[in-house]
Amino acid sequence: MLLGNIEAGGTKFVCSVGNEKFEVKNSITFPTTTPRDTLQQAVDYFKQYDVVAIGIGSFGPIDIIRESKTYGYITTTPKPHWSNTDVIGYLKSQLDVPMYFTTDVNSSAYGELIAQKIQNLVYFTIGTGIGAAAIQQGQFIGGISHAEMGHQFVKRHPKDLEFKGICPFHGDCLEGVASGPSLKARTGISGENISLDSEVWDIQAYYIAQAAISATLTLAPSKIIFGGGVMAQEHMIARVRTHFKALLNDYVMTPPLEDYLQVTSIADNGSATLGNFALALKELRYKS
């Protein structure tokens, strides 16, 4: 039995096939161009394999409400040409298999749930954008839509008050002040070239810690897990833990921060692949 994985990113698509043990058997990566060309490449890839179901984690916002007229669509994305794209409709027109459609960060969160065998977690990806997912008792939270915690508002760092933020919708929301591009917007230097003693890292960690505190006080998860290019910098998780401890000020009890605030446990964005395989299998069983 083969399961399919589509990691539909704003920059690239990753398509994979794997077995029922969620082991990757083949994978391909290609650039995200126009919707038709990109989705057709995904179709052509899976036509080579006898997959029984596909899990899809997409950049968003997306419509995940199955009863909605626009279920399976990428909706109000600022990415050129992709607004109101019927992703599931296009794929289903050529691939007659069950498909589970969710956000890319939900896929990563579900992968961590499988890998770490826990039922309650929050997952943040801090990279070109910021996304977040929450799972409670093994289920994604959400009612009218998926979570968009990357656009929550944060208290400004005293040394960062003049920076307007880069979010095209909100200016200085979390994504506007703590995503990867905010580093270059402040300094004129790409993140990988900024020295470790620059105070901009501490400013960024201050905002990320606030997001972790909001998740703690709102959802009380067992763990908060961070992925994405910004948190791949080895010094960042320690900075976030330091600010988290100071800002929370022992108001509520948490596990030791080395256990509670973690970076992703699977390298090379493997949590999304694992999550999509597991969600594909879940959808197959749901449809059976």
Protein backbone atom coordinates (compact mmCIF):
# COMPACT_ATOMS: atom_id res chain seq x y z
CA MET A 1 0.00 0.00 0.00
CA LEU A 2 1.36 3.41 -0.98
CA LEU A 3 0.36 6.74 0.57
CA GLY A 4 0.94 10.16 -0.99
CA ASN A 5 2.29 13.38 0.49
CA ILE A 6 2.02 16.88 -0.98
CA GLU A 7 3.77 19.70 0.85
CA ALA A 8 2.37 22.65 -1.07
CA GLY A 9 4.64 25.54 -0.20
CA GLY A 10 4.67 29.04 -1.56
CA THR A 11 8.19 28.51 -2.93
CA LYS A 12 8.23 24.80 -3.74
CA PHE A 13 6.12 21.66 -3.78
CA VAL A 14 7.39 18.40 -2.29
CA CYS A 15 5.59 15.25 -3.40
CA SER A 16 6.38 11.84 -1.90
CA VAL A 17 5.10 8.31 -1.73
CA GLY A 18 5.51 6.11 1.32
CA ASN A 19 4.33 2.84 2.79
CA GLU A 20 1.93 2.13 5.64
CA LYS A 21 4.86 2.46 8.05
CA PHE A 22 5.24 6.05 6.80
CA GLU A 23 8.63 5.33 5.26
CA VAL A 24 9.45 7.50 2.23
CA LYS A 25 9.95 5.41 -0.91
CA ASN A 26 10.31 8.23 -3.44
CA SER A 27 10.20 12.01 -3.42
CA ILE A 28 10.34 14.91 -5.87
CA THR A 29 10.66 18.68 -5.42
CA PHE A 30 9.72 21.36 -7.94
CA PRO A 31 9.14 25.13 -7.86
CA THR A 32 5.74 26.65 -7.14
CA THR A 33 4.87 28.52 -10.35
CA THR A 34 1.34 28.96 -11.69
CA PRO A 35 -1.45 26.88 -10.16
CA ARG A 36 -2.13 24.87 -13.31
CA ASP A 37 1.50 24.03 -14.05
CA THR A 38 2.37 23.25 -10.45
CA LEU A 39 -0.67 21.13 -9.68
CA GLN A 40 -0.28 19.27 -12.98
CA GLN A 41 3.28 18.34 -12.02
CA ALA A 42 1.88 16.86 -8.80
CA VAL A 43 -0.75 14.92 -10.77
CA ASP A 44 1.83 13.59 -13.22
CA TYR A 45 4.04 12.46 -10.35
CA PHE A 46 1.31 10.48 -8.57
CA LYS A 47 0.07 8.89 -11.80
CA GLN A 48 3.32 6.90 -11.72
CA TYR A 49 2.29 5.21 -8.45
CA ASP A 50 -0.70 3.27 -7.21
CA VAL A 51 -1.37 5.48 -4.20
CA VAL A 52 -4.50 4.78 -2.14
CA ALA A 53 -4.79 8.21 -0.49
CA ILE A 54 -2.96 11.56 -0.38
CA GLY A 55 -2.35 13.98 2.49
CA ILE A 56 -1.94 17.61 1.45
CA GLY A 57 -0.52 20.38 3.62
CA SER A 58 -0.81 23.73 1.87
CA PHE A 59 0.23 27.33 2.33
CA GLY A 60 -2.81 29.45 3.03
CA PRO A 61 -5.16 30.71 4.07
CA ILE A 62 -7.20 27.75 2.86
CA ASP A 63 -10.76 26.49 3.23
CA ILE A 64 -10.82 23.25 5.23
CA ILE A 65 -14.56 23.17 5.99
CA ARG A 66 -15.85 20.15 4.11
CA GLU A 67 -19.39 21.54 3.79
CA SER A 68 -18.18 24.81 2.27
CA LYS A 69 -18.62 25.63 -1.42
CA THR A 70 -14.93 26.52 -1.52
CA TYR A 71 -13.63 23.52 0.42
CA GLY A 72 -10.17 22.63 -0.86
CA TYR A 73 -9.37 26.13 -2.08
CA ILE A 74 -6.43 28.37 -1.33
CA THR A 75 -8.35 31.56 -0.59
CA THR A 76 -6.99 35.04 0.20
CA THR A 77 -3.28 34.39 -0.20
CA PRO A 78 -1.07 37.32 -1.24
CA LYS A 79 0.90 34.93 -3.49
CA PRO A 80 0.34 36.07 -7.09
CA HIS A 81 -2.02 33.94 -9.20
CA TRP A 82 -2.97 31.61 -6.34
CA SER A 83 -5.95 33.40 -4.77
CA ASN A 84 -9.12 31.31 -5.00
CA THR A 85 -7.35 28.28 -6.41
CA ASP A 86 -9.33 25.03 -6.24
CA VAL A 87 -6.50 22.71 -5.24
CA ILE A 88 -8.59 19.67 -4.31
CA GLY A 89 -10.89 20.11 -7.30
CA TYR A 90 -7.97 20.07 -9.72
CA LEU A 91 -6.26 17.10 -8.11
CA LYS A 92 -9.50 15.11 -7.80
CA SER A 93 -10.30 15.67 -11.47
CA GLN A 94 -7.36 13.44 -12.36
CA LEU A 95 -6.60 11.39 -9.23
CA ASP A 96 -9.55 9.41 -7.88
CA VAL A 97 -8.30 8.74 -4.36
CA PRO A 98 -9.27 10.07 -0.90
CA MET A 99 -7.44 13.29 0.01
CA TYR A 100 -6.93 15.00 3.35
CA PHE A 101 -6.52 18.76 2.95
CA THR A 102 -5.06 20.95 5.68
CA THR A 103 -2.48 23.65 6.32
CA ASP A 104 1.23 22.99 5.96
CA VAL A 105 1.78 23.71 9.64
CA ASN A 106 -1.06 21.35 10.63
CA SER A 107 0.75 18.63 8.69
CA SER A 108 3.95 19.31 10.61
CA ALA A 109 2.11 19.33 13.93
CA TYR A 110 0.49 16.00 13.14
CA GLY A 111 3.86 14.53 12.23
CA GLU A 112 5.20 15.56 15.63
CA LEU A 113 2.16 14.02 17.31
CA ILE A 114 2.95 10.72 15.60
CA ALA A 115 6.69 10.91 16.23
CA GLN A 116 6.48 11.94 19.88
CA LYS A 117 3.33 9.96 20.74
CA ILE A 118 1.60 12.87 22.45
CA GLN A 119 -1.99 14.08 22.10
CA ASN A 120 -1.72 17.78 22.95
CA LEU A 121 0.74 20.16 21.34
CA VAL A 122 1.21 23.50 19.64
CA TYR A 123 3.53 23.81 16.65
CA PHE A 124 4.96 27.08 15.33
CA THR A 125 6.88 27.39 12.10
CA ILE A 126 9.05 30.52 12.10
CA GLY A 127 10.44 31.12 8.64
CA THR A 128 9.55 33.21 5.61
CA GLY A 129 6.14 33.47 7.25
CA ILE A 130 4.82 32.33 10.61
CA GLY A 131 2.17 29.68 10.99
CA ALA A 132 0.92 27.71 13.93
CA ALA A 133 -1.20 24.68 14.66
CA ALA A 134 -2.72 23.26 17.81
CA ILE A 135 -3.81 19.71 18.48
CA GLN A 136 -5.97 18.83 21.48
CA GLN A 137 -6.69 15.19 22.33
CA GLY A 138 -5.39 14.19 18.91
CA GLN A 139 -7.67 16.59 16.99
CA PHE A 140 -6.91 19.90 15.29
CA ILE A 141 -8.58 22.89 16.90
CA GLY A 142 -10.82 25.06 14.76
CA GLY A 143 -14.44 25.84 14.01
CA ILE A 144 -14.96 28.39 11.27
CA SER A 145 -11.49 27.75 9.87
CA HIS A 146 -7.95 26.69 10.75
CA ALA A 147 -5.86 28.54 13.32
CA GLU A 148 -3.90 31.63 12.19
CA MET A 149 -1.78 32.21 15.29
CA GLY A 150 1.06 33.58 13.20
CA HIS A 151 -0.87 36.83 12.91
CA GLN A 152 -1.57 37.40 16.59
CA PHE A 153 -0.53 40.74 18.01
CA VAL A 154 2.43 41.07 20.37
CA LYS A 155 3.81 43.67 22.74
CA ARG A 156 6.60 45.61 21.10
CA HIS A 157 10.17 45.27 22.31
CA PRO A 158 11.41 48.57 23.82
CA LYS A 159 14.29 48.67 21.32
CA ASP A 160 12.05 47.89 18.35
CA LEU A 161 9.39 50.57 18.56
CA GLU A 162 10.31 52.31 15.32
CA PHE A 163 10.08 49.18 13.18
CA LYS A 164 6.69 49.12 11.45
CA GLY A 165 6.68 45.41 10.64
CA ILE A 166 6.38 43.73 7.27
CA CYS A 167 3.00 41.98 7.31
CA PRO A 168 0.96 43.37 4.37
CA PHE A 169 -2.24 42.91 6.36
CA HIS A 170 -1.32 43.89 9.93
CA GLY A 171 2.09 45.52 9.92
CA ASP A 172 3.52 44.55 13.30
CA CYS A 173 1.73 41.30 14.09
CA LEU A 174 3.87 38.31 15.07
CA GLU A 175 4.68 37.48 11.45
CA GLY A 176 5.41 41.12 10.75
CA VAL A 177 8.08 41.41 13.44
CA ALA A 178 9.45 37.88 13.96
CA SER A 179 9.49 36.13 10.58
CA GLY A 180 12.74 35.64 8.70
CA PRO A 181 12.27 38.58 6.31
CA SER A 182 11.81 40.95 9.26
CA LEU A 183 15.50 40.45 10.03
CA LYS A 184 16.57 41.82 6.67
CA ALA A 185 13.95 44.57 6.81
CA ARG A 186 15.49 45.85 10.06
CA THR A 187 19.16 45.36 9.29
CA GLY A 188 19.51 45.17 5.52
CA ILE A 189 21.29 41.83 6.05
CA SER A 190 19.95 38.33 5.45
CA GLY A 191 19.53 36.30 8.64
CA GLU A 192 22.29 33.81 7.85
CA ASN A 193 24.78 36.70 7.66
CA ILE A 194 23.80 38.47 10.89
CA SER A 195 26.29 38.01 13.73
CA LEU A 196 25.16 36.04 16.75
CA ASP A 197 25.83 38.96 19.09
CA SER A 198 23.37 41.21 17.23
CA GLU A 199 20.53 42.34 19.48
CA VAL A 200 18.04 41.68 16.67
CA TRP A 201 18.05 37.98 17.58
CA ASP A 202 17.00 38.78 21.12
CA ILE A 203 14.28 41.10 19.85
CA GLN A 204 12.94 38.34 17.65
CA ALA A 205 13.08 35.77 20.46
CA TYR A 206 11.13 38.19 22.68
CA TYR A 207 8.23 38.09 20.23
CA ILE A 208 8.36 34.33 19.71
CA ALA A 209 8.33 33.80 23.48
CA GLN A 210 5.16 35.89 23.72
CA ALA A 211 3.49 33.61 21.18
CA ALA A 212 4.51 30.61 23.29
CA ILE A 213 3.07 32.24 26.40
CA SER A 214 -0.23 32.95 24.64
CA ALA A 215 -0.39 29.31 23.56
CA THR A 216 0.40 28.17 27.09
CA LEU A 217 -2.26 30.33 28.72
CA THR A 218 -4.90 29.59 26.07
CA LEU A 219 -4.38 25.91 25.28
CA ALA A 220 -2.12 24.45 28.01
CA PRO A 221 -0.41 22.00 25.63
CA SER A 222 1.97 19.25 26.67
CA LYS A 223 4.67 20.70 24.41
CA ILE A 224 5.31 23.67 22.16
CA ILE A 225 7.41 22.77 19.15
CA PHE A 226 9.19 25.17 16.80
CA GLY A 227 10.19 24.56 13.20
CA GLY A 228 11.23 26.75 10.30
CA GLY A 229 14.45 28.39 9.22
CA VAL A 230 14.64 30.98 12.00
CA MET A 231 14.40 28.36 14.74
CA ALA A 232 16.93 26.16 12.93
CA GLN A 233 19.51 28.65 14.24
CA GLU A 234 20.83 26.70 17.22
CA HIS A 235 21.01 29.72 19.53
CA MET A 236 17.35 30.70 19.09
CA ILE A 237 15.59 28.13 21.26
CA ALA A 238 17.70 29.08 24.28
CA ARG A 239 16.86 32.76 23.73
CA VAL A 240 13.15 31.96 23.48
CA ARG A 241 13.26 29.93 26.69
CA THR A 242 14.99 32.79 28.51
CA HIS A 243 12.35 35.33 27.47
CA PHE A 244 9.52 32.87 28.11
CA LYS A 245 10.68 32.32 31.69
CA ALA A 246 11.04 36.04 32.38
CA LEU A 247 7.75 37.06 30.77
CA LEU A 248 5.63 34.27 32.25
CA ASN A 249 7.14 35.00 35.67
CA ASP A 250 6.08 31.63 37.12
CA TYR A 251 2.38 32.50 36.75
CA VAL A 252 1.52 28.92 35.77
CA MET A 253 3.51 25.75 36.09
CA THR A 254 5.01 24.16 32.99
CA PRO A 255 7.28 21.17 32.48
CA PRO A 256 11.02 22.00 32.46
CA LEU A 257 11.52 24.38 29.55
CA GLU A 258 14.04 22.08 27.87
CA ASP A 259 11.17 19.59 27.52
CA TYR A 260 8.31 22.04 27.07
CA LEU A 261 9.77 24.37 24.42
CA GLN A 262 11.48 22.27 21.75
CA VAL A 263 12.60 22.44 18.16
CA THR A 264 11.18 19.92 15.71
CA SER A 265 12.28 16.36 16.31
CA ILE A 266 12.50 15.42 12.62
CA ALA A 267 15.13 16.94 10.35
CA ASP A 268 14.59 18.44 6.88
CA ASN A 269 10.91 19.25 7.41
CA GLY A 270 10.26 15.54 7.84
CA SER A 271 7.46 16.19 10.30
CA ALA A 272 5.24 17.49 7.46
CA THR A 273 5.93 14.39 5.35
CA LEU A 274 5.16 12.07 8.24
CA GLY A 275 2.05 14.06 9.11
CA ASN A 276 0.69 13.96 5.57
CA PHE A 277 1.22 10.20 5.28
CA ALA A 278 -0.63 9.70 8.58
CA LEU A 279 -3.45 12.05 7.54
CA ALA A 280 -3.75 10.26 4.18
CA LEU A 281 -4.19 6.97 6.02
CA LYS A 282 -6.72 8.60 8.35
CA GLU A 283 -8.72 9.85 5.37
CA LEU A 284 -8.61 6.42 3.73
CA ARG A 285 -10.06 4.83 6.84
CA TYR A 286 -12.66 7.61 7.11
CA LYS A 287 -13.82 6.96 3.55
CA SER A 288 -13.85 3.16 3.94
